[in-house]
Amino acid sequence: MRNLSFEDGYEVAKLIAKGVDLPRLQRIYEVVKKAMECFKEEGDERDFMLGLVEGLGEISRLREDIARIINVAKSMGISIEVNIRYGEEV
């Protein structure tokens, strides 16, 4: 069986983010962050959970920033369309 890594956790965070809206993503981030308290000892599981928490947090903050930019643009009469793709291909 393969060991789970930080990068694996980050990839799982991207997959979760693809399927949920911002409020749910923020809630998942808070729940998983709280669950991290169970993983006090170093190991593959802790690395995976750290990657998952870090990924969820970064993606959540990115989505919040994008929402703010869109709202500012709307208030100025500018329409912005943003497509988020999770992966290396852009």
C-alpha atoms as a PDB file:
ATOM      1  CA  MET A   1       0.000   0.000   0.000  1.00  0.00           C
ATOM      2  CA  ARG A   2       1.241   3.483  -0.881  1.00  0.00           C
ATOM      3  CA  ASN A   3       1.998   6.025   1.841  1.00  0.00           C
ATOM      4  CA  LEU A   4      -0.082   9.190   1.808  1.00  0.00           C
ATOM      5  CA  SER A   5       1.816  12.447   1.418  1.00  0.00           C
ATOM      6  CA  PHE A   6       1.260  16.172   1.852  1.00  0.00           C
ATOM      7  CA  GLU A   7       0.830  16.433  -1.921  1.00  0.00           C
ATOM      8  CA  ASP A   8      -1.857  13.727  -1.860  1.00  0.00           C
ATOM      9  CA  GLY A   9      -3.774  15.760   0.708  1.00  0.00           C
ATOM     10  CA  TYR A  10      -3.470  18.854  -1.455  1.00  0.00           C
ATOM     11  CA  GLU A  11      -4.804  16.950  -4.479  1.00  0.00           C
ATOM     12  CA  VAL A  12      -7.784  15.741  -2.435  1.00  0.00           C
ATOM     13  CA  ALA A  13      -8.440  19.369  -1.445  1.00  0.00           C
ATOM     14  CA  LYS A  14      -8.579  20.325  -5.137  1.00  0.00           C
ATOM     15  CA  LEU A  15     -11.037  17.517  -5.851  1.00  0.00           C
ATOM     16  CA  ILE A  16     -13.257  18.616  -2.965  1.00  0.00           C
ATOM     17  CA  ALA A  17     -13.115  22.243  -4.125  1.00  0.00           C
ATOM     18  CA  LYS A  18     -14.314  21.261  -7.604  1.00  0.00           C
ATOM     19  CA  GLY A  19     -17.561  19.924  -6.190  1.00  0.00           C
ATOM     20  CA  VAL A  20     -18.613  22.447  -3.559  1.00  0.00           C
ATOM     21  CA  ASP A  21     -19.453  26.133  -3.292  1.00  0.00           C
ATOM     22  CA  LEU A  22     -17.469  28.596  -1.169  1.00  0.00           C
ATOM     23  CA  PRO A  23     -19.532  28.397   2.060  1.00  0.00           C
ATOM     24  CA  ARG A  24     -19.328  24.596   2.060  1.00  0.00           C
ATOM     25  CA  LEU A  25     -15.621  24.710   1.235  1.00  0.00           C
ATOM     26  CA  GLN A  26     -15.036  27.034   4.188  1.00  0.00           C
ATOM     27  CA  ARG A  27     -17.019  24.723   6.482  1.00  0.00           C
ATOM     28  CA  ILE A  28     -15.097  21.648   5.297  1.00  0.00           C
ATOM     29  CA  TYR A  29     -11.839  23.513   5.911  1.00  0.00           C
ATOM     30  CA  GLU A  30     -12.864  24.354   9.487  1.00  0.00           C
ATOM     31  CA  VAL A  31     -13.978  20.776  10.222  1.00  0.00           C
ATOM     32  CA  VAL A  32     -10.820  19.200   8.788  1.00  0.00           C
ATOM     33  CA  LYS A  33      -8.637  21.759  10.571  1.00  0.00           C
ATOM     34  CA  LYS A  34     -10.320  20.797  13.848  1.00  0.00           C
ATOM     35  CA  ALA A  35      -9.851  17.091  13.026  1.00  0.00           C
ATOM     36  CA  MET A  36      -6.095  17.705  12.725  1.00  0.00           C
ATOM     37  CA  GLU A  37      -5.956  17.744  16.514  1.00  0.00           C
ATOM     38  CA  CYS A  38      -6.254  13.935  16.374  1.00  0.00           C
ATOM     39  CA  PHE A  39      -2.978  13.672  14.449  1.00  0.00           C
ATOM     40  CA  LYS A  40      -0.432  14.901  16.975  1.00  0.00           C
ATOM     41  CA  GLU A  41       2.357  12.454  16.080  1.00  0.00           C
ATOM     42  CA  GLU A  42       4.474  12.705  12.943  1.00  0.00           C
ATOM     43  CA  GLY A  43       3.612  10.268  10.183  1.00  0.00           C
ATOM     44  CA  ASP A  44       2.103   9.820   6.751  1.00  0.00           C
ATOM     45  CA  GLU A  45      -1.433  10.425   8.002  1.00  0.00           C
ATOM     46  CA  ARG A  46      -0.420  13.736   9.580  1.00  0.00           C
ATOM     47  CA  ASP A  47       1.385  14.828   6.399  1.00  0.00           C
ATOM     48  CA  PHE A  48      -1.689  13.961   4.342  1.00  0.00           C
ATOM     49  CA  MET A  49      -3.987  15.877   6.692  1.00  0.00           C
ATOM     50  CA  LEU A  50      -1.627  18.877   6.683  1.00  0.00           C
ATOM     51  CA  GLY A  51      -1.757  18.887   2.876  1.00  0.00           C
ATOM     52  CA  LEU A  52      -5.531  18.628   2.939  1.00  0.00           C
ATOM     53  CA  VAL A  53      -5.905  21.481   5.434  1.00  0.00           C
ATOM     54  CA  GLU A  54      -3.377  23.665   3.610  1.00  0.00           C
ATOM     55  CA  GLY A  55      -5.019  23.019   0.241  1.00  0.00           C
ATOM     56  CA  LEU A  56      -8.537  23.686   1.492  1.00  0.00           C
ATOM     57  CA  GLY A  57      -7.401  26.882   3.193  1.00  0.00           C
ATOM     58  CA  GLU A  58      -5.564  28.241   0.161  1.00  0.00           C
ATOM     59  CA  ILE A  59      -8.361  27.401  -2.266  1.00  0.00           C
ATOM     60  CA  SER A  60     -10.948  28.902   0.081  1.00  0.00           C
ATOM     61  CA  ARG A  61      -8.964  32.140   0.384  1.00  0.00           C
ATOM     62  CA  LEU A  62      -8.486  32.264  -3.392  1.00  0.00           C
ATOM     63  CA  ARG A  63     -12.218  31.892  -3.973  1.00  0.00           C
ATOM     64  CA  GLU A  64     -12.939  34.622  -1.406  1.00  0.00           C
ATOM     65  CA  ASP A  65     -10.499  36.959  -3.162  1.00  0.00           C
ATOM     66  CA  ILE A  66     -12.071  36.232  -6.543  1.00  0.00           C
ATOM     67  CA  ALA A  67     -15.562  36.892  -5.154  1.00  0.00           C
ATOM     68  CA  ARG A  68     -14.384  40.236  -3.739  1.00  0.00           C
ATOM     69  CA  ILE A  69     -12.824  41.251  -7.066  1.00  0.00           C
ATOM     70  CA  ILE A  70     -16.005  40.333  -8.941  1.00  0.00           C
ATOM     71  CA  ASN A  71     -18.126  42.353  -6.491  1.00  0.00           C
ATOM     72  CA  VAL A  72     -15.873  45.404  -6.794  1.00  0.00           C
ATOM     73  CA  ALA A  73     -16.000  45.119 -10.583  1.00  0.00           C
ATOM     74  CA  LYS A  74     -19.806  44.865 -10.511  1.00  0.00           C
ATOM     75  CA  SER A  75     -20.027  48.005  -8.410  1.00  0.00           C
ATOM     76  CA  MET A  76     -17.993  49.763 -11.109  1.00  0.00           C
ATOM     77  CA  GLY A  77     -20.238  48.463 -13.880  1.00  0.00           C
ATOM     78  CA  ILE A  78     -17.678  45.934 -15.105  1.00  0.00           C
ATOM     79  CA  SER A  79     -18.580  42.326 -15.796  1.00  0.00           C
ATOM     80  CA  ILE A  80     -15.944  39.698 -15.022  1.00  0.00           C
ATOM     81  CA  GLU A  81     -16.155  35.991 -15.721  1.00  0.00           C
ATOM     82  CA  VAL A  82     -13.740  33.693 -13.896  1.00  0.00           C
ATOM     83  CA  ASN A  83     -13.175  30.023 -14.663  1.00  0.00           C
ATOM     84  CA  ILE A  84     -11.189  28.109 -12.067  1.00  0.00           C
ATOM     85  CA  ARG A  85      -9.307  25.012 -13.163  1.00  0.00           C
ATOM     86  CA  TYR A  86      -7.549  22.859 -10.620  1.00  0.00           C
ATOM     87  CA  GLY A  87      -4.425  21.391 -12.127  1.00  0.00           C
ATOM     88  CA  GLU A  88      -1.266  22.213 -13.973  1.00  0.00           C
ATOM     89  CA  GLU A  89      -2.975  22.781 -17.320  1.00  0.00           C
ATOM     90  CA  VAL A  90      -3.950  26.389 -17.937  1.00  0.00           C
END
